[in-house]
ModelCIF file with pLDDT and N, C-alpha, C, O atoms, coordinates in Angstrom:
data_MODEL
#
_entry.id   MODEL 
#
_entity.id                         1 
_entity.type                       polymer 
_entity.pdbx_number_of_molecules   1 
#
_entity_poly.entity_id                      1 
_entity_poly.type                           'polypeptide(L)' 
_entity_poly.nstd_linkage                   no 
_entity_poly.nstd_monomer                   no 
_entity_poly.pdbx_seq_one_letter_code       PTMQSAFILPPDRNVPLFIPRRSRQVPAEAWRQ 
_entity_poly.pdbx_seq_one_letter_code_can   PTMQSAFILPPDRNVPLFIPRRSRQVPAEAWRQ 
_entity_poly.pdbx_strand_id                 A 
#
loop_
_entity_poly_seq.entity_id 
_entity_poly_seq.num 
_entity_poly_seq.mon_id 
_entity_poly_seq.hetero 
1 1  PRO n 
1 2  THR n 
1 3  MET n 
1 4  GLN n 
1 5  SER n 
1 6  ALA n 
1 7  PHE n 
1 8  ILE n 
1 9  LEU n 
1 10 PRO n 
1 11 PRO n 
1 12 ASP n 
1 13 ARG n 
1 14 ASN n 
1 15 VAL n 
1 16 PRO n 
1 17 LEU n 
1 18 PHE n 
1 19 ILE n 
1 20 PRO n 
1 21 ARG n 
1 22 ARG n 
1 23 SER n 
1 24 ARG n 
1 25 GLN n 
1 26 VAL n 
1 27 PRO n 
1 28 ALA n 
1 29 GLU n 
1 30 ALA n 
1 31 TRP n 
1 32 ARG n 
1 33 GLN n 
#
_struct_asym.id          A 
_struct_asym.entity_id   1 
#
loop_
_ma_qa_metric.id 
_ma_qa_metric.mode 
_ma_qa_metric.name 
_ma_qa_metric.software_group_id 
_ma_qa_metric.type 
1 global pLDDT . pLDDT 
2 local  pLDDT . pLDDT 
#
_ma_qa_metric_global.metric_id      1 
_ma_qa_metric_global.metric_value   93.64 
_ma_qa_metric_global.model_id       1 
_ma_qa_metric_global.ordinal_id     1 
#
loop_
_ma_qa_metric_local.label_asym_id 
_ma_qa_metric_local.label_comp_id 
_ma_qa_metric_local.label_seq_id 
_ma_qa_metric_local.metric_id 
_ma_qa_metric_local.metric_value 
_ma_qa_metric_local.model_id 
_ma_qa_metric_local.ordinal_id 
A PRO 1  2 85.00 1 1  
A THR 2  2 90.00 1 2  
A MET 3  2 94.00 1 3  
A GLN 4  2 94.00 1 4  
A SER 5  2 95.00 1 5  
A ALA 6  2 96.00 1 6  
A PHE 7  2 96.00 1 7  
A ILE 8  2 95.00 1 8  
A LEU 9  2 94.00 1 9  
A PRO 10 2 93.00 1 10 
A PRO 11 2 91.00 1 11 
A ASP 12 2 90.00 1 12 
A ARG 13 2 88.00 1 13 
A ASN 14 2 89.00 1 14 
A VAL 15 2 93.00 1 15 
A PRO 16 2 96.00 1 16 
A LEU 17 2 97.00 1 17 
A PHE 18 2 97.00 1 18 
A ILE 19 2 97.00 1 19 
A PRO 20 2 95.00 1 20 
A ARG 21 2 94.00 1 21 
A ARG 22 2 92.00 1 22 
A SER 23 2 94.00 1 23 
A ARG 24 2 94.00 1 24 
A GLN 25 2 93.00 1 25 
A VAL 26 2 95.00 1 26 
A PRO 27 2 94.00 1 27 
A ALA 28 2 94.00 1 28 
A GLU 29 2 94.00 1 29 
A ALA 30 2 95.00 1 30 
A TRP 31 2 96.00 1 31 
A ARG 32 2 95.00 1 32 
A GLN 33 2 95.00 1 33 
#
loop_
_atom_site.group_PDB 
_atom_site.id 
_atom_site.type_symbol 
_atom_site.label_atom_id 
_atom_site.label_alt_id 
_atom_site.label_comp_id 
_atom_site.label_asym_id 
_atom_site.label_entity_id 
_atom_site.label_seq_id 
_atom_site.pdbx_PDB_ins_code 
_atom_site.Cartn_x 
_atom_site.Cartn_y 
_atom_site.Cartn_z 
_atom_site.occupancy 
_atom_site.B_iso_or_equiv 
_atom_site.pdbx_formal_charge 
_atom_site.auth_seq_id 
_atom_site.auth_comp_id 
_atom_site.auth_asym_id 
_atom_site.auth_atom_id 
_atom_site.pdbx_PDB_model_num 
ATOM 1   N N  . PRO A 1 1  ? -32.340 -53.420 -0.641  1.00 85.00 ? 1  PRO A N  1 
ATOM 2   C CA . PRO A 1 1  ? -32.335 -54.408 -1.723  1.00 85.00 ? 1  PRO A CA 1 
ATOM 3   C C  . PRO A 1 1  ? -33.712 -54.554 -2.356  1.00 85.00 ? 1  PRO A C  1 
ATOM 4   O O  . PRO A 1 1  ? -34.718 -54.094 -1.815  1.00 85.00 ? 1  PRO A O  1 
ATOM 5   N N  . THR A 1 2  ? -33.732 -55.208 -3.515  1.00 90.00 ? 2  THR A N  1 
ATOM 6   C CA . THR A 1 2  ? -34.998 -55.562 -4.145  1.00 90.00 ? 2  THR A CA 1 
ATOM 7   C C  . THR A 1 2  ? -35.565 -56.772 -3.425  1.00 90.00 ? 2  THR A C  1 
ATOM 8   O O  . THR A 1 2  ? -34.904 -57.803 -3.308  1.00 90.00 ? 2  THR A O  1 
ATOM 9   N N  . MET A 1 3  ? -36.804 -56.639 -2.938  1.00 94.00 ? 3  MET A N  1 
ATOM 10  C CA . MET A 1 3  ? -37.402 -57.746 -2.200  1.00 94.00 ? 3  MET A CA 1 
ATOM 11  C C  . MET A 1 3  ? -38.870 -57.875 -2.584  1.00 94.00 ? 3  MET A C  1 
ATOM 12  O O  . MET A 1 3  ? -39.469 -56.951 -3.135  1.00 94.00 ? 3  MET A O  1 
ATOM 13  N N  . GLN A 1 4  ? -39.430 -59.028 -2.284  1.00 94.00 ? 4  GLN A N  1 
ATOM 14  C CA . GLN A 1 4  ? -40.815 -59.320 -2.630  1.00 94.00 ? 4  GLN A CA 1 
ATOM 15  C C  . GLN A 1 4  ? -41.673 -59.472 -1.385  1.00 94.00 ? 4  GLN A C  1 
ATOM 16  O O  . GLN A 1 4  ? -41.213 -59.938 -0.342  1.00 94.00 ? 4  GLN A O  1 
ATOM 17  N N  . SER A 1 5  ? -42.937 -59.065 -1.520  1.00 95.00 ? 5  SER A N  1 
ATOM 18  C CA . SER A 1 5  ? -43.928 -59.306 -0.482  1.00 95.00 ? 5  SER A CA 1 
ATOM 19  C C  . SER A 1 5  ? -44.715 -60.558 -0.844  1.00 95.00 ? 5  SER A C  1 
ATOM 20  O O  . SER A 1 5  ? -44.801 -60.930 -2.014  1.00 95.00 ? 5  SER A O  1 
ATOM 21  N N  . ALA A 1 6  ? -45.285 -61.200 0.157   1.00 96.00 ? 6  ALA A N  1 
ATOM 22  C CA . ALA A 1 6  ? -46.068 -62.412 -0.093  1.00 96.00 ? 6  ALA A CA 1 
ATOM 23  C C  . ALA A 1 6  ? -47.483 -62.097 -0.541  1.00 96.00 ? 6  ALA A C  1 
ATOM 24  O O  . ALA A 1 6  ? -48.205 -63.000 -0.964  1.00 96.00 ? 6  ALA A O  1 
ATOM 25  N N  . PHE A 1 7  ? -47.902 -60.828 -0.459  1.00 96.00 ? 7  PHE A N  1 
ATOM 26  C CA . PHE A 1 7  ? -49.286 -60.509 -0.825  1.00 96.00 ? 7  PHE A CA 1 
ATOM 27  C C  . PHE A 1 7  ? -49.354 -59.205 -1.612  1.00 96.00 ? 7  PHE A C  1 
ATOM 28  O O  . PHE A 1 7  ? -48.419 -58.405 -1.602  1.00 96.00 ? 7  PHE A O  1 
ATOM 29  N N  . ILE A 1 8  ? -50.463 -59.012 -2.283  1.00 95.00 ? 8  ILE A N  1 
ATOM 30  C CA . ILE A 1 8  ? -50.759 -57.781 -3.003  1.00 95.00 ? 8  ILE A CA 1 
ATOM 31  C C  . ILE A 1 8  ? -52.191 -57.365 -2.666  1.00 95.00 ? 8  ILE A C  1 
ATOM 32  O O  . ILE A 1 8  ? -52.949 -58.139 -2.083  1.00 95.00 ? 8  ILE A O  1 
ATOM 33  N N  . LEU A 1 9  ? -52.549 -56.151 -3.034  1.00 94.00 ? 9  LEU A N  1 
ATOM 34  C CA . LEU A 1 9  ? -53.930 -55.685 -2.918  1.00 94.00 ? 9  LEU A CA 1 
ATOM 35  C C  . LEU A 1 9  ? -54.499 -55.622 -4.331  1.00 94.00 ? 9  LEU A C  1 
ATOM 36  O O  . LEU A 1 9  ? -54.103 -54.755 -5.111  1.00 94.00 ? 9  LEU A O  1 
ATOM 37  N N  . PRO A 1 10 ? -55.412 -56.516 -4.675  1.00 93.00 ? 10 PRO A N  1 
ATOM 38  C CA . PRO A 1 10 ? -55.979 -56.496 -6.024  1.00 93.00 ? 10 PRO A CA 1 
ATOM 39  C C  . PRO A 1 10 ? -56.668 -55.155 -6.302  1.00 93.00 ? 10 PRO A C  1 
ATOM 40  O O  . PRO A 1 10 ? -57.172 -54.525 -5.372  1.00 93.00 ? 10 PRO A O  1 
ATOM 41  N N  . PRO A 1 11 ? -56.699 -54.714 -7.549  1.00 91.00 ? 11 PRO A N  1 
ATOM 42  C CA . PRO A 1 11 ? -57.277 -53.398 -7.872  1.00 91.00 ? 11 PRO A CA 1 
ATOM 43  C C  . PRO A 1 11 ? -58.777 -53.330 -7.647  1.00 91.00 ? 11 PRO A C  1 
ATOM 44  O O  . PRO A 1 11 ? -59.328 -52.235 -7.533  1.00 91.00 ? 11 PRO A O  1 
ATOM 45  N N  . ASP A 1 12 ? -59.459 -54.481 -7.580  1.00 90.00 ? 12 ASP A N  1 
ATOM 46  C CA . ASP A 1 12 ? -60.915 -54.444 -7.464  1.00 90.00 ? 12 ASP A CA 1 
ATOM 47  C C  . ASP A 1 12 ? -61.422 -54.725 -6.052  1.00 90.00 ? 12 ASP A C  1 
ATOM 48  O O  . ASP A 1 12 ? -62.630 -54.825 -5.836  1.00 90.00 ? 12 ASP A O  1 
ATOM 49  N N  . ARG A 1 13 ? -60.495 -54.855 -5.076  1.00 88.00 ? 13 ARG A N  1 
ATOM 50  C CA . ARG A 1 13 ? -60.934 -55.035 -3.687  1.00 88.00 ? 13 ARG A CA 1 
ATOM 51  C C  . ARG A 1 13 ? -59.770 -54.754 -2.741  1.00 88.00 ? 13 ARG A C  1 
ATOM 52  O O  . ARG A 1 13 ? -58.608 -54.860 -3.135  1.00 88.00 ? 13 ARG A O  1 
ATOM 53  N N  . ASN A 1 14 ? -60.074 -54.401 -1.504  1.00 89.00 ? 14 ASN A N  1 
ATOM 54  C CA . ASN A 1 14 ? -59.065 -53.975 -0.539  1.00 89.00 ? 14 ASN A CA 1 
ATOM 55  C C  . ASN A 1 14 ? -58.763 -55.086 0.467   1.00 89.00 ? 14 ASN A C  1 
ATOM 56  O O  . ASN A 1 14 ? -58.591 -54.812 1.654   1.00 89.00 ? 14 ASN A O  1 
ATOM 57  N N  . VAL A 1 15 ? -58.698 -56.318 0.011   1.00 93.00 ? 15 VAL A N  1 
ATOM 58  C CA . VAL A 1 15 ? -58.390 -57.470 0.851   1.00 93.00 ? 15 VAL A CA 1 
ATOM 59  C C  . VAL A 1 15 ? -57.078 -58.084 0.367   1.00 93.00 ? 15 VAL A C  1 
ATOM 60  O O  . VAL A 1 15 ? -56.955 -58.395 -0.818  1.00 93.00 ? 15 VAL A O  1 
ATOM 61  N N  . PRO A 1 16 ? -56.094 -58.268 1.251   1.00 96.00 ? 16 PRO A N  1 
ATOM 62  C CA . PRO A 1 16 ? -54.814 -58.847 0.821   1.00 96.00 ? 16 PRO A CA 1 
ATOM 63  C C  . PRO A 1 16 ? -55.004 -60.201 0.148   1.00 96.00 ? 16 PRO A C  1 
ATOM 64  O O  . PRO A 1 16 ? -55.745 -61.054 0.637   1.00 96.00 ? 16 PRO A O  1 
ATOM 65  N N  . LEU A 1 17 ? -54.335 -60.381 -0.961  1.00 97.00 ? 17 LEU A N  1 
ATOM 66  C CA . LEU A 1 17 ? -54.340 -61.651 -1.669  1.00 97.00 ? 17 LEU A CA 1 
ATOM 67  C C  . LEU A 1 17 ? -52.918 -62.191 -1.666  1.00 97.00 ? 17 LEU A C  1 
ATOM 68  O O  . LEU A 1 17 ? -52.018 -61.580 -2.243  1.00 97.00 ? 17 LEU A O  1 
ATOM 69  N N  . PHE A 1 18 ? -52.711 -63.336 -1.017  1.00 97.00 ? 18 PHE A N  1 
ATOM 70  C CA . PHE A 1 18 ? -51.374 -63.924 -0.914  1.00 97.00 ? 18 PHE A CA 1 
ATOM 71  C C  . PHE A 1 18 ? -51.064 -64.716 -2.185  1.00 97.00 ? 18 PHE A C  1 
ATOM 72  O O  . PHE A 1 18 ? -51.890 -65.470 -2.701  1.00 97.00 ? 18 PHE A O  1 
ATOM 73  N N  . ILE A 1 19 ? -49.839 -64.509 -2.663  1.00 97.00 ? 19 ILE A N  1 
ATOM 74  C CA . ILE A 1 19 ? -49.435 -65.048 -3.963  1.00 97.00 ? 19 ILE A CA 1 
ATOM 75  C C  . ILE A 1 19 ? -48.306 -66.062 -3.776  1.00 97.00 ? 19 ILE A C  1 
ATOM 76  O O  . ILE A 1 19 ? -47.339 -65.754 -3.080  1.00 97.00 ? 19 ILE A O  1 
ATOM 77  N N  . PRO A 1 20 ? -48.387 -67.249 -4.364  1.00 95.00 ? 20 PRO A N  1 
ATOM 78  C CA . PRO A 1 20 ? -47.268 -68.199 -4.324  1.00 95.00 ? 20 PRO A CA 1 
ATOM 79  C C  . PRO A 1 20 ? -46.011 -67.584 -4.942  1.00 95.00 ? 20 PRO A C  1 
ATOM 80  O O  . PRO A 1 20 ? -46.097 -66.703 -5.798  1.00 95.00 ? 20 PRO A O  1 
ATOM 81  N N  . ARG A 1 21 ? -44.870 -68.046 -4.509  1.00 94.00 ? 21 ARG A N  1 
ATOM 82  C CA . ARG A 1 21 ? -43.595 -67.441 -4.880  1.00 94.00 ? 21 ARG A CA 1 
ATOM 83  C C  . ARG A 1 21 ? -43.400 -67.305 -6.381  1.00 94.00 ? 21 ARG A C  1 
ATOM 84  O O  . ARG A 1 21 ? -42.932 -66.265 -6.845  1.00 94.00 ? 21 ARG A O  1 
ATOM 85  N N  . ARG A 1 22 ? -43.744 -68.320 -7.145  1.00 92.00 ? 22 ARG A N  1 
ATOM 86  C CA . ARG A 1 22 ? -43.461 -68.295 -8.582  1.00 92.00 ? 22 ARG A CA 1 
ATOM 87  C C  . ARG A 1 22 ? -44.330 -67.309 -9.351  1.00 92.00 ? 22 ARG A C  1 
ATOM 88  O O  . ARG A 1 22 ? -44.055 -67.028 -10.518 1.00 92.00 ? 22 ARG A O  1 
ATOM 89  N N  . SER A 1 23 ? -45.371 -66.779 -8.722  1.00 94.00 ? 23 SER A N  1 
ATOM 90  C CA . SER A 1 23 ? -46.256 -65.835 -9.410  1.00 94.00 ? 23 SER A CA 1 
ATOM 91  C C  . SER A 1 23 ? -46.114 -64.405 -8.899  1.00 94.00 ? 23 SER A C  1 
ATOM 92  O O  . SER A 1 23 ? -46.894 -63.537 -9.291  1.00 94.00 ? 23 SER A O  1 
ATOM 93  N N  . ARG A 1 24 ? -45.149 -64.144 -8.043  1.00 94.00 ? 24 ARG A N  1 
ATOM 94  C CA . ARG A 1 24 ? -45.057 -62.814 -7.431  1.00 94.00 ? 24 ARG A CA 1 
ATOM 95  C C  . ARG A 1 24 ? -44.530 -61.739 -8.373  1.00 94.00 ? 24 ARG A C  1 
ATOM 96  O O  . ARG A 1 24 ? -44.600 -60.550 -8.063  1.00 94.00 ? 24 ARG A O  1 
ATOM 97  N N  . GLN A 1 25 ? -44.005 -62.152 -9.515  1.00 93.00 ? 25 GLN A N  1 
ATOM 98  C CA . GLN A 1 25 ? -43.558 -61.165 -10.492 1.00 93.00 ? 25 GLN A CA 1 
ATOM 99  C C  . GLN A 1 25 ? -44.717 -60.609 -11.307 1.00 93.00 ? 25 GLN A C  1 
ATOM 100 O O  . GLN A 1 25 ? -44.547 -59.631 -12.035 1.00 93.00 ? 25 GLN A O  1 
ATOM 101 N N  . VAL A 1 26 ? -45.898 -61.222 -11.193 1.00 95.00 ? 26 VAL A N  1 
ATOM 102 C CA . VAL A 1 26 ? -47.089 -60.759 -11.921 1.00 95.00 ? 26 VAL A CA 1 
ATOM 103 C C  . VAL A 1 26 ? -47.621 -59.496 -11.242 1.00 95.00 ? 26 VAL A C  1 
ATOM 104 O O  . VAL A 1 26 ? -47.827 -59.504 -10.029 1.00 95.00 ? 26 VAL A O  1 
ATOM 105 N N  . PRO A 1 27 ? -47.850 -58.405 -11.992 1.00 94.00 ? 27 PRO A N  1 
ATOM 106 C CA . PRO A 1 27 ? -48.307 -57.149 -11.375 1.00 94.00 ? 27 PRO A CA 1 
ATOM 107 C C  . PRO A 1 27 ? -49.672 -57.298 -10.719 1.00 94.00 ? 27 PRO A C  1 
ATOM 108 O O  . PRO A 1 27 ? -50.462 -58.165 -11.094 1.00 94.00 ? 27 PRO A O  1 
ATOM 109 N N  . ALA A 1 28 ? -49.941 -56.445 -9.737  1.00 94.00 ? 28 ALA A N  1 
ATOM 110 C CA . ALA A 1 28 ? -51.203 -56.508 -8.989  1.00 94.00 ? 28 ALA A CA 1 
ATOM 111 C C  . ALA A 1 28 ? -52.406 -56.316 -9.898  1.00 94.00 ? 28 ALA A C  1 
ATOM 112 O O  . ALA A 1 28 ? -53.466 -56.887 -9.646  1.00 94.00 ? 28 ALA A O  1 
ATOM 113 N N  . GLU A 1 29 ? -52.257 -55.512 -10.964 1.00 94.00 ? 29 GLU A N  1 
ATOM 114 C CA . GLU A 1 29 ? -53.371 -55.246 -11.863 1.00 94.00 ? 29 GLU A CA 1 
ATOM 115 C C  . GLU A 1 29 ? -53.896 -56.504 -12.542 1.00 94.00 ? 29 GLU A C  1 
ATOM 116 O O  . GLU A 1 29 ? -55.040 -56.541 -12.993 1.00 94.00 ? 29 GLU A O  1 
ATOM 117 N N  . ALA A 1 30 ? -53.050 -57.542 -12.613 1.00 95.00 ? 30 ALA A N  1 
ATOM 118 C CA . ALA A 1 30 ? -53.454 -58.758 -13.313 1.00 95.00 ? 30 ALA A CA 1 
ATOM 119 C C  . ALA A 1 30 ? -54.374 -59.646 -12.481 1.00 95.00 ? 30 ALA A C  1 
ATOM 120 O O  . ALA A 1 30 ? -54.994 -60.568 -13.010 1.00 95.00 ? 30 ALA A O  1 
ATOM 121 N N  . TRP A 1 31 ? -54.464 -59.370 -11.179 1.00 96.00 ? 31 TRP A N  1 
ATOM 122 C CA . TRP A 1 31 ? -55.209 -60.270 -10.296 1.00 96.00 ? 31 TRP A CA 1 
ATOM 123 C C  . TRP A 1 31 ? -56.664 -59.815 -10.094 1.00 96.00 ? 31 TRP A C  1 
ATOM 124 O O  . TRP A 1 31 ? -57.218 -59.975 -9.006  1.00 96.00 ? 31 TRP A O  1 
ATOM 125 N N  . ARG A 1 32 ? -57.266 -59.261 -11.119 1.00 95.00 ? 32 ARG A N  1 
ATOM 126 C CA . ARG A 1 32 ? -58.687 -58.908 -11.063 1.00 95.00 ? 32 ARG A CA 1 
ATOM 127 C C  . ARG A 1 32 ? -59.555 -60.169 -11.102 1.00 95.00 ? 32 ARG A C  1 
ATOM 128 O O  . ARG A 1 32 ? -59.117 -61.241 -11.519 1.00 95.00 ? 32 ARG A O  1 
ATOM 129 N N  . GLN A 1 33 ? -60.773 -60.002 -10.661 1.00 95.00 ? 33 GLN A N  1 
ATOM 130 C CA . GLN A 1 33 ? -61.696 -61.128 -10.683 1.00 95.00 ? 33 GLN A CA 1 
ATOM 131 C C  . GLN A 1 33 ? -61.965 -61.561 -12.122 1.00 95.00 ? 33 GLN A C  1 
ATOM 132 O O  . GLN A 1 33 ? -62.724 -62.502 -12.353 1.00 95.00 ? 33 GLN A O  1 
#
C-alpha cells in the first residue's frame, strides 16, 4: 500500500528530520535550511 514515513532526509544534511502528519506530503527537497 501507499504509506508515509514520519521522517525524511533533507537534501542539505544527512540527519533525519521528523515531520508532523499534515506536512508529510511536502517533498524532501522543500526542507532545506
